[in-house]
Structure formats: structure tokens, C-alpha cells
Amino acid sequence: MRFPSTRGGCEPASASEALRTGLAPDGGLFVPELLPALSPAALDPALPYPERAREVLAPFFEGDELEPDLPELCREAFDFPVPLTRLSDRVRILELFHGPTAAFKDFGACFLARALERLQSGEKTPLTILVATSGDTGGAVAAAFHGRTGISVRVLFPEDGVSERQRKQLTCWDGNVASYAVRGTFDDCQRVVKEAFRSPEISRRFRLSSANSINLGRLLPQTVYYVHASALFLAETGEKPALVIPSGNVGNAVGAYWARAMGAPIARIALAVNANRVLPDFLTEGIYRPRPSVRTLANAMDVGDPSNLERLRFLFPERETLEREVSARSVTDGEIRDTIRRVFEGSGLVLCPHTACAEYVRERRMPEAPSIVVATAHPAKFETVVEPLIGQAVPVPPALAALLDAPSRHETIEPRLEELLG
């Protein structure tokens, strides 16, 4: 399969080429030339997750140099559980936080790191990964790439825009991973990364790639858990679920739309955003107005210029289709707090602020529909928000606890390219 750019200004790339380069040469994002129909095996509810991943991803890597490695890549990358937890008779929580850094970003990061390490075999020039993060991406990328041969990683995060435990995850690395606290917002971090990719001088000095969700290798694995969850839900309940997804940079949402287009049994998709209202305002007004991000309790969604909206608009190029297929609702910090408290009191389940956004939207938009609420991070990562609301401590997963106990190291920089790669 080939992967053209959303902007159509360059030759389509192979899967491996798209993973290596991250951003397309014309500044666009790589997308599949077609979304292949899922095989019957991919929808088998009894299929183990790594095998389902291989079935879903195989058409995208057909004829690619990574094709022979795909079964082993999936076994290595997806070695943690992906449970559907019951919230009520017709509602399940898709827990995507059982990976090494307790966030959904582990799926894409673990796959991409292993794929790029294989592609680096025999290369003399190291690959430099640049990643901007609003919280969970950087930690997942750092963990996945730490110690990988032939690859160095530079992680940028907003100095005052992540939780303390997220900061620990971002700064507990050494060796081939360096972390930078940027005096600015996530959008400043993302801007610096994009400037690096557009700079001819930087391109001459470094072999650059990205591990943000602009990289196809981060996004393709995210289609798998939507196929997995919807197949299990249908087998258990006899109904196709609606998906409610917390959304920041829109990459996770694109994975869901791709999965549905491939034939996953998904009835509809609704997106939940925080006070950063760029997406719902765009859908309402028809005019895209990026703006400086504002800080919220759901900090990983504090995005004022979501990159993957470009992929979503490519998928639905007609205005009427986009409005029909995509819906998004904004959730306030007060509504996040109320939802965390209410869900815990009613069910005993503890939600992180991002998952609480999705649950709030489900309650308001589709209270009676069979639904899957996507839980993107473990609530222990946001203990200063969650614990006062539920009145008790949240147990810390062992993998997360090990990272929190490690020593921290990082450099603080201004949001300027020369300070990162000067």
C-alpha cells in the first residue's frame, strides 16, 4: 500500500518511508490510499489482541520491507491487557492505560519504536525523533524508545502545562532520550517541532522523524483497539456501540474513524474536548480558527491547533459529510470534577480528567445508547485532581511507580528552534 500526503504535493510513500519521515515533504500528513475492509478474523471476538493487531495492520504493510516483521512487532508491542470494564448494562469503559506509562499513547509508541529500530538496522546515521507533548505522548515515546539502537529522542513539554507525575515520566530518562521544559504552551512546543521539519538547514544536519500522532506509525495501531473493543462489545451485547473519545490533537479520533470505515461495528462516534474549543467551534461555524491553548484539568487535551484535524478533513472533504459524521462537545473543569465524583459515588470506578470529559458527553448526548467510553490515562497520573474528589488515594500501577521513583533530569529552554537544535 502507498500513503499519499493530505496536501497532495509529493509522491506517495511506502509504510516504512512514512514511518521514517513522520511529516510528508509538502508539510502534509500521510494517509492510506485506501482503507481496506477488515478480514473476518480481525473481527473474531476470541482473537488475542496481538493477533488481531496483525490482522488489522497487515494490509497497510503489504509489500513493505516491514511486512515480514509485522507478527513479531505486534507480539512485542502489545503485551499488556486491553480490558472493557462494565459501567452499566449498556456502557463499557475501554481501559487503554495498562501499558508501560499508563496512557493510550503506549500503543502507538511501542509499535513505532520497534518498527523504527528495525528500519535503522544497518543505517550509519542516527535517526533523531522530535516529539512535542501536552502530557502523555512524551512519556510514552521516551519509555518506548529508551535504549533503542540508532535512535535519539528529544522530548519537548510545556514547563507549567503537565501534572507533576507526568513531569516525572517525561524527565526520568538518560542515554538516548533528552527532555526539554519549554517556557510556553503545548502549541509552542508543536510549533518548534514543525519548524525543525521545515528547515532545510536542520534537514541537512539531522535525519529527523516524529513520534507525535502526525506519524502514521503512531496512528495505525490506534485503529486496532477500536476494532477490538467494538467486536467484543457486539459479541457481548448484540449491539453496535457508539464511541465517546476524549480529543486533543484529534489523532485518537482519526483512528476510530478509520476503524469504522474499515468495517468495525461502530454505530457512531462522538468527541469530547475541554475548554479548548477549536474543534466544536469549527464544526459549528465552518471556519477553522486556531488559537492559543488554555490550561485545564484535562491537560493532555490542551491543544489550540490540532494537527490531525487535517486527516479528518481529508477523510470527509465535503462540508456536509464532515458535519454529519463528526460531533464534538466542550466540557468545563467544573463538569469534569462533577463527573469524576458522580461516577465514583455511583459505580466505584475512578476516572481521569480526560475520561471524565468523555463520560460527561456520553451522559448528555447519548444517555440511553449502547456506548464505549474511551479511558485514555490511569487516574493515578492526576492524583492532585482526582483524590480530593473521591476522598481516597488512587493506587499507583507498578510500572508507573517505577518511573516516579527514578531521578529527574531535563533542560529548560525558550520556545525557539535554535535552543533545541542550536
Protein backbone atom coordinates (compact mmCIF):
# COMPACT_ATOMS: atom_id res chain seq x y z
CA MET A 1 0.00 0.00 0.00
CA ARG A 2 1.05 3.58 -0.64
CA PHE A 3 0.42 6.61 1.54
CA PRO A 4 -0.18 10.00 -0.10
CA SER A 5 0.03 13.33 1.69
CA THR A 6 -3.14 15.12 2.76
CA ARG A 7 -1.87 18.07 0.69
CA GLY A 8 -1.12 16.14 -2.47
CA GLY A 9 2.19 17.89 -3.09
CA CYS A 10 4.56 14.93 -3.08
CA GLU A 11 4.83 11.35 -4.25
CA PRO A 12 3.03 8.74 -2.11
CA ALA A 13 5.30 6.91 0.33
CA SER A 14 5.54 3.30 1.42
CA ALA A 15 4.61 2.47 5.00
CA SER A 16 8.27 2.36 6.05
CA GLU A 17 9.04 5.66 4.33
CA ALA A 18 6.09 7.29 6.06
CA LEU A 19 7.23 5.98 9.46
CA ARG A 20 10.82 7.13 8.88
CA THR A 21 9.97 10.68 7.82
CA GLY A 22 6.94 11.37 10.01
CA LEU A 23 5.81 14.52 8.23
CA ALA A 24 5.27 14.46 4.45
CA PRO A 25 7.74 16.57 2.40
CA ASP A 26 4.97 19.02 1.42
CA GLY A 27 4.11 19.64 5.09
CA GLY A 28 1.04 17.43 5.00
CA LEU A 29 0.27 14.20 6.84
CA PHE A 30 0.49 10.73 5.37
CA VAL A 31 -2.82 8.87 4.97
CA PRO A 32 -3.66 5.44 3.50
CA GLU A 33 -4.53 5.47 -0.20
CA LEU A 34 -7.50 3.32 0.79
CA LEU A 35 -8.97 1.91 3.98
CA PRO A 36 -9.10 -1.86 3.44
CA ALA A 37 -12.05 -3.95 4.60
CA LEU A 38 -11.40 -5.89 7.78
CA SER A 39 -10.97 -9.63 7.43
CA PRO A 40 -13.42 -11.91 9.28
CA ALA A 41 -10.54 -12.98 11.52
CA ALA A 42 -9.93 -9.37 12.59
CA LEU A 43 -13.49 -9.24 13.98
CA ASP A 44 -13.33 -12.59 15.80
CA PRO A 45 -14.05 -11.72 19.46
CA ALA A 46 -11.92 -14.65 20.64
CA LEU A 47 -8.78 -13.49 18.83
CA PRO A 48 -5.89 -12.49 21.16
CA TYR A 49 -5.02 -8.82 20.88
CA PRO A 50 -1.57 -9.16 19.22
CA GLU A 51 -3.05 -11.44 16.56
CA ARG A 52 -5.93 -9.03 15.98
CA ALA A 53 -3.39 -6.23 15.56
CA ARG A 54 -1.59 -8.27 12.91
CA GLU A 55 -4.86 -8.92 11.05
CA VAL A 56 -5.88 -5.26 11.12
CA LEU A 57 -2.48 -3.86 10.18
CA ALA A 58 -1.41 -6.44 7.58
CA PRO A 59 -2.99 -4.70 4.54
CA PHE A 60 -1.18 -1.45 5.36
CA PHE A 61 2.20 -3.20 5.29
CA GLU A 62 1.58 -5.46 2.30
CA GLY A 63 4.67 -5.37 0.07
CA ASP A 64 6.58 -3.21 2.57
CA GLU A 65 10.01 -4.05 3.98
CA LEU A 66 8.41 -4.36 7.43
CA GLU A 67 5.84 -6.92 6.28
CA PRO A 68 7.86 -9.98 7.41
CA ASP A 69 8.40 -8.42 10.84
CA LEU A 70 4.76 -7.48 11.47
CA PRO A 71 3.72 -10.55 13.53
CA GLU A 72 6.71 -10.16 15.84
CA LEU A 73 6.24 -6.37 16.07
CA CYS A 74 2.67 -6.89 17.24
CA ARG A 75 3.63 -9.55 19.78
CA GLU A 76 6.36 -7.34 21.23
CA ALA A 77 4.45 -4.05 21.23
CA PHE A 78 1.08 -5.20 22.55
CA ASP A 79 1.99 -7.31 25.56
CA PHE A 80 -0.43 -5.67 28.04
CA PRO A 81 -4.18 -6.08 28.62
CA VAL A 82 -6.91 -4.06 26.86
CA PRO A 83 -10.00 -4.61 29.04
CA LEU A 84 -13.58 -3.44 28.61
CA THR A 85 -14.91 -2.62 32.07
CA ARG A 86 -18.62 -2.52 32.80
CA LEU A 87 -20.05 0.86 33.84
CA SER A 88 -23.70 -0.13 33.33
CA ASP A 89 -25.76 -2.65 31.35
CA ARG A 90 -25.16 -0.85 28.04
CA VAL A 91 -21.99 1.13 28.78
CA ARG A 92 -18.39 -0.07 28.93
CA ILE A 93 -15.13 1.71 29.69
CA LEU A 94 -12.30 0.87 27.27
CA GLU A 95 -9.22 0.96 29.52
CA LEU A 96 -6.23 1.97 27.41
CA PHE A 97 -3.92 2.68 30.36
CA HIS A 98 -2.36 -0.70 31.15
CA GLY A 99 0.80 -0.15 29.12
CA PRO A 100 4.24 0.85 30.43
CA THR A 101 3.37 4.53 31.04
CA ALA A 102 -0.35 4.13 31.92
CA ALA A 103 -1.71 6.01 28.89
CA PHE A 104 -3.22 5.15 25.50
CA LYS A 105 -0.16 6.62 23.79
CA ASP A 106 1.70 3.41 24.71
CA PHE A 107 0.01 1.53 21.87
CA GLY A 108 1.37 3.70 19.08
CA ALA A 109 4.69 4.48 20.77
CA CYS A 110 5.58 0.85 21.47
CA PHE A 111 4.80 -0.19 17.91
CA LEU A 112 6.58 2.76 16.30
CA ALA A 113 9.73 2.38 18.41
CA ARG A 114 10.15 -1.26 17.50
CA ALA A 115 9.39 -0.61 13.83
CA LEU A 116 11.89 2.23 13.54
CA GLU A 117 14.60 0.26 15.34
CA ARG A 118 14.23 -2.49 12.74
CA LEU A 119 14.34 0.07 9.93
CA GLN A 120 17.53 1.54 11.43
CA SER A 121 19.33 -1.78 11.23
CA GLY A 122 22.42 -1.23 9.09
CA GLU A 123 21.98 2.56 8.91
CA LYS A 124 25.11 4.57 9.72
CA THR A 125 23.39 7.89 10.50
CA PRO A 126 21.28 8.01 13.69
CA LEU A 127 17.60 8.89 13.48
CA THR A 128 16.55 11.85 15.64
CA ILE A 129 12.98 11.74 16.97
CA LEU A 130 11.41 15.08 17.86
CA VAL A 131 8.23 14.95 19.91
CA ALA A 132 6.08 17.71 21.40
CA THR A 133 3.81 16.61 24.22
CA SER A 134 0.96 18.01 26.28
CA GLY A 135 1.48 15.26 28.82
CA ASP A 136 1.21 11.57 27.96
CA THR A 137 2.77 11.36 24.48
CA GLY A 138 6.26 12.32 25.61
CA GLY A 139 6.33 9.82 28.46
CA ALA A 140 5.14 7.01 26.23
CA VAL A 141 7.63 7.87 23.48
CA ALA A 142 10.53 8.21 25.93
CA ALA A 143 9.75 4.84 27.51
CA ALA A 144 9.29 3.08 24.17
CA PHE A 145 12.44 4.48 22.54
CA HIS A 146 14.78 4.44 25.54
CA GLY A 147 17.80 2.31 24.70
CA ARG A 148 16.75 1.69 21.08
CA THR A 149 19.75 1.30 18.80
CA GLY A 150 20.48 4.04 16.27
CA ILE A 151 17.79 6.41 17.55
CA SER A 152 17.94 9.54 19.72
CA VAL A 153 14.87 11.28 21.14
CA ARG A 154 14.21 14.90 22.13
CA VAL A 155 11.00 15.50 24.07
CA LEU A 156 9.50 18.99 24.41
CA PHE A 157 6.82 19.72 27.01
CA PRO A 158 5.27 22.95 28.36
CA GLU A 159 7.08 23.90 31.57
CA ASP A 160 3.88 24.62 33.50
CA GLY A 161 1.42 22.54 31.47
CA VAL A 162 1.76 18.96 32.76
CA SER A 163 0.90 17.25 36.02
CA GLU A 164 3.72 16.53 38.46
CA ARG A 165 3.56 12.81 37.79
CA GLN A 166 3.54 13.39 34.05
CA ARG A 167 6.63 15.57 34.51
CA LYS A 168 8.37 12.73 36.32
CA GLN A 169 7.59 10.39 33.44
CA LEU A 170 8.98 12.91 30.96
CA THR A 171 12.23 13.59 32.78
CA CYS A 172 13.36 10.26 34.26
CA TRP A 173 15.45 9.27 31.23
CA ASP A 174 19.09 9.36 30.17
CA GLY A 175 21.18 7.93 27.36
CA ASN A 176 19.44 8.42 24.03
CA VAL A 177 16.47 10.41 25.47
CA ALA A 178 16.71 14.14 26.34
CA SER A 179 13.84 16.18 27.80
CA TYR A 180 13.19 19.91 27.44
CA ALA A 181 10.80 22.02 29.54
CA VAL A 182 9.64 24.79 27.20
CA ARG A 183 8.67 28.20 28.56
CA GLY A 184 5.33 28.24 26.74
CA THR A 185 2.33 26.12 25.81
CA PHE A 186 1.98 22.80 24.00
CA ASP A 187 1.28 24.76 20.84
CA ASP A 188 4.69 26.45 21.22
CA CYS A 189 6.30 23.02 21.54
CA GLN A 190 4.47 21.74 18.47
CA ARG A 191 5.43 24.86 16.50
CA VAL A 192 9.14 24.35 17.24
CA VAL A 193 8.94 20.73 16.09
CA LYS A 194 7.19 21.72 12.85
CA GLU A 195 9.79 24.45 12.23
CA ALA A 196 12.53 21.85 12.55
CA PHE A 197 10.92 19.65 9.90
CA ARG A 198 10.52 22.61 7.53
CA SER A 199 14.11 23.85 7.94
CA PRO A 200 16.49 22.84 5.08
CA GLU A 201 19.48 23.52 7.34
CA ILE A 202 18.19 21.22 10.07
CA SER A 203 17.38 18.56 7.49
CA ARG A 204 20.99 18.64 6.30
CA ARG A 205 22.30 18.18 9.85
CA PHE A 206 19.86 15.59 11.16
CA ARG A 207 17.77 12.67 9.97
CA LEU A 208 14.51 13.72 11.59
CA SER A 209 11.34 11.83 12.34
CA SER A 210 8.41 12.45 14.65
CA ALA A 211 6.68 10.30 17.23
CA ASN A 212 3.72 12.62 17.65
CA SER A 213 0.44 11.46 16.20
CA ILE A 214 1.42 13.18 12.97
CA ASN A 215 3.48 10.00 12.40
CA LEU A 216 1.47 7.31 10.66
CA GLY A 217 3.15 4.68 12.83
CA ARG A 218 1.51 6.17 15.89
CA LEU A 219 -1.93 6.35 14.32
CA LEU A 220 -2.33 2.98 12.60
CA PRO A 221 -2.04 0.95 15.86
CA GLN A 222 -4.82 3.09 17.34
CA THR A 223 -7.29 1.67 14.83
CA VAL A 224 -6.73 -1.76 16.35
CA TYR A 225 -8.18 -1.13 19.80
CA TYR A 226 -11.34 0.29 18.28
CA VAL A 227 -11.77 -2.84 16.17
CA HIS A 228 -11.05 -4.92 19.27
CA ALA A 229 -13.44 -3.09 21.60
CA SER A 230 -16.34 -2.89 19.17
CA ALA A 231 -16.02 -6.59 18.26
CA LEU A 232 -16.07 -7.58 21.95
CA PHE A 233 -18.98 -5.26 22.70
CA LEU A 234 -21.05 -6.63 19.82
CA ALA A 235 -20.35 -10.22 20.86
CA GLU A 236 -21.30 -9.49 24.48
CA THR A 237 -24.38 -7.31 23.97
CA GLY A 238 -25.56 -7.97 20.42
CA GLU A 239 -25.40 -4.22 19.71
CA LYS A 240 -23.04 -1.92 17.87
CA PRO A 241 -21.63 0.66 20.29
CA ALA A 242 -21.25 4.38 20.00
CA LEU A 243 -17.72 5.55 20.85
CA VAL A 244 -17.09 8.61 23.02
CA ILE A 245 -13.47 9.74 22.76
CA PRO A 246 -11.53 12.43 24.67
CA SER A 247 -9.84 14.51 21.99
CA GLY A 248 -6.92 16.93 21.94
CA ASN A 249 -4.74 16.64 18.85
CA VAL A 250 -7.51 14.54 17.17
CA GLY A 251 -5.23 11.59 16.33
CA ASN A 252 -7.09 9.15 18.58
CA ALA A 253 -10.35 10.18 16.93
CA VAL A 254 -8.94 9.63 13.44
CA GLY A 255 -8.02 6.08 14.44
CA ALA A 256 -11.65 5.46 15.37
CA TYR A 257 -12.99 6.88 12.11
CA TRP A 258 -10.53 4.76 10.13
CA ALA A 259 -11.61 1.65 12.06
CA ARG A 260 -15.28 2.32 11.34
CA ALA A 261 -14.56 2.94 7.64
CA MET A 262 -12.78 -0.43 7.53
CA GLY A 263 -15.87 -2.21 8.85
CA ALA A 264 -15.55 -2.20 12.64
CA PRO A 265 -19.05 -2.49 14.17
CA ILE A 266 -19.24 1.11 15.43
CA ALA A 267 -22.60 2.86 15.37
CA ARG A 268 -21.39 6.44 15.76
CA ILE A 269 -18.51 8.48 17.17
CA ALA A 270 -18.66 11.50 19.46
CA LEU A 271 -15.69 13.57 20.58
CA ALA A 272 -15.19 15.31 23.90
CA VAL A 273 -12.90 18.30 24.24
CA ASN A 274 -12.10 20.51 27.22
CA ALA A 275 -12.27 24.31 27.28
CA ASN A 276 -10.07 24.41 24.16
CA ARG A 277 -12.99 24.72 21.77
CA VAL A 278 -11.29 24.88 18.37
CA LEU A 279 -12.90 21.68 17.08
CA PRO A 280 -16.54 22.23 18.14
CA ASP A 281 -16.36 25.86 17.02
CA PHE A 282 -15.05 24.77 13.63
CA LEU A 283 -17.84 22.23 13.23
CA THR A 284 -20.44 24.84 14.19
CA GLU A 285 -19.09 27.83 12.25
CA GLY A 286 -17.30 26.17 9.33
CA ILE A 287 -14.24 28.36 9.91
CA TYR A 288 -11.04 26.96 11.41
CA ARG A 289 -9.64 29.37 14.00
CA PRO A 290 -6.56 28.02 15.78
CA ARG A 291 -5.83 29.91 18.96
CA PRO A 292 -3.53 29.78 22.00
CA SER A 293 -4.40 26.82 24.19
CA VAL A 294 -5.78 27.35 27.68
CA ARG A 295 -4.89 25.25 30.70
CA THR A 296 -7.46 22.81 32.05
CA LEU A 297 -7.68 19.82 34.37
CA ALA A 298 -7.57 17.57 31.28
CA ASN A 299 -4.17 18.91 30.33
CA ALA A 300 -3.26 16.33 27.67
CA MET A 301 -6.14 17.80 25.63
CA ASP A 302 -4.94 21.42 25.96
CA VAL A 303 -4.45 21.91 22.23
CA GLY A 304 -5.32 25.07 20.30
CA ASP A 305 -4.23 23.91 16.83
CA PRO A 306 -4.94 20.17 16.49
CA SER A 307 -2.71 18.67 13.80
CA ASN A 308 -4.82 15.65 12.96
CA LEU A 309 -7.84 17.71 12.06
CA GLU A 310 -6.12 17.76 8.67
CA ARG A 311 -6.52 13.99 8.39
CA LEU A 312 -10.14 14.19 9.49
CA ARG A 313 -10.90 16.83 6.86
CA PHE A 314 -9.13 14.68 4.26
CA LEU A 315 -11.37 11.74 5.20
CA PHE A 316 -14.50 13.91 4.99
CA PRO A 317 -13.67 16.55 2.36
CA GLU A 318 -17.28 17.66 1.85
CA ARG A 319 -18.55 20.10 4.44
CA GLU A 320 -21.94 18.40 4.74
CA THR A 321 -20.35 14.99 5.32
CA LEU A 322 -17.98 16.33 7.94
CA GLU A 323 -20.84 17.95 9.85
CA ARG A 324 -22.88 14.76 9.66
CA GLU A 325 -20.11 12.38 10.71
CA VAL A 326 -18.20 14.40 13.30
CA SER A 327 -19.56 15.88 16.51
CA ALA A 328 -17.65 17.44 19.40
CA ARG A 329 -18.69 18.99 22.67
CA SER A 330 -16.69 21.09 25.11
CA VAL A 331 -16.55 20.21 28.82
CA THR A 332 -15.62 22.63 31.60
CA ASP A 333 -13.35 21.93 34.56
CA GLY A 334 -16.38 22.09 36.85
CA GLU A 335 -18.15 19.45 34.77
CA ILE A 336 -15.01 17.29 34.84
CA ARG A 337 -14.92 17.44 38.65
CA ASP A 338 -18.61 16.68 38.96
CA THR A 339 -18.33 13.70 36.64
CA ILE A 340 -15.36 12.16 38.47
CA ARG A 341 -17.20 12.49 41.77
CA ARG A 342 -20.56 11.25 40.46
CA VAL A 343 -19.17 8.19 38.65
CA PHE A 344 -17.14 7.14 41.68
CA GLU A 345 -20.11 7.51 44.01
CA GLY A 346 -22.36 5.56 41.64
CA SER A 347 -20.08 2.77 40.49
CA GLY A 348 -16.78 2.86 42.39
CA LEU A 349 -14.90 3.44 39.13
CA VAL A 350 -12.23 6.15 39.16
CA LEU A 351 -11.86 8.26 36.02
CA CYS A 352 -9.01 10.52 34.99
CA PRO A 353 -10.00 14.07 33.94
CA HIS A 354 -9.80 13.17 30.22
CA THR A 355 -12.02 10.12 30.57
CA ALA A 356 -14.41 12.22 32.64
CA CYS A 357 -14.79 14.56 29.65
CA ALA A 358 -15.92 11.63 27.52
CA GLU A 359 -18.30 10.29 30.15
CA TYR A 360 -19.88 13.74 30.57
CA VAL A 361 -20.51 13.94 26.82
CA ARG A 362 -21.98 10.42 26.79
CA GLU A 363 -24.37 11.31 29.60
CA ARG A 364 -25.53 14.46 27.81
CA ARG A 365 -25.52 13.31 24.19
CA MET A 366 -26.45 9.61 24.28
CA PRO A 367 -27.52 8.55 27.79
CA GLU A 368 -29.53 5.52 26.59
CA ALA A 369 -27.33 4.36 23.70
CA PRO A 370 -25.06 1.32 23.87
CA SER A 371 -21.70 3.00 24.29
CA ILE A 372 -17.99 2.64 24.88
CA VAL A 373 -16.30 5.46 26.79
CA VAL A 374 -12.59 5.63 25.98
CA ALA A 375 -10.37 5.86 29.07
CA THR A 376 -7.09 7.34 27.89
CA ALA A 377 -5.00 7.55 31.09
CA HIS A 378 -4.77 6.00 34.54
CA PRO A 379 -6.29 8.27 37.20
CA ALA A 380 -3.17 7.84 39.38
CA LYS A 381 -1.37 10.21 36.99
CA PHE A 382 -3.70 13.01 38.15
CA GLU A 383 -3.87 12.33 41.84
CA THR A 384 -3.97 16.02 42.84
CA VAL A 385 -7.22 16.39 40.88
CA VAL A 386 -8.84 13.01 41.45
CA GLU A 387 -8.08 12.10 45.06
CA PRO A 388 -9.74 15.13 46.71
CA LEU A 389 -12.88 14.44 44.66
CA ILE A 390 -13.21 10.77 45.64
CA GLY A 391 -11.85 11.12 49.17
CA GLN A 392 -9.22 8.40 48.95
CA ALA A 393 -5.87 7.60 47.40
CA VAL A 394 -5.63 6.07 43.93
CA PRO A 395 -3.30 3.05 43.84
CA VAL A 396 -0.31 3.61 41.55
CA PRO A 397 0.35 0.87 38.95
CA PRO A 398 3.76 -0.79 39.46
CA ALA A 399 5.12 0.30 36.07
CA LEU A 400 4.21 3.91 36.78
CA ALA A 401 5.60 3.74 40.31
CA ALA A 402 8.99 2.63 38.98
CA LEU A 403 9.18 5.68 36.72
CA LEU A 404 8.13 8.04 39.51
CA ASP A 405 10.96 6.76 41.72
CA ALA A 406 13.66 7.40 39.11
CA PRO A 407 15.81 10.59 39.27
CA SER A 408 14.73 13.52 37.08
CA ARG A 409 16.82 15.41 34.53
CA HIS A 410 15.83 17.99 31.92
CA GLU A 411 16.81 21.30 30.34
CA THR A 412 14.61 24.41 30.35
CA ILE A 413 14.51 26.35 27.07
CA GLU A 414 12.65 29.16 25.34
CA PRO A 415 10.30 28.09 22.50
CA ARG A 416 12.91 28.66 19.82
CA LEU A 417 14.35 26.13 17.41
CA GLU A 418 17.93 27.30 17.93
CA GLU A 419 17.71 26.43 21.65
CA LEU A 420 16.63 22.90 20.81
CA LEU A 421 18.95 22.11 17.93
CA GLY A 422 21.38 25.02 18.00
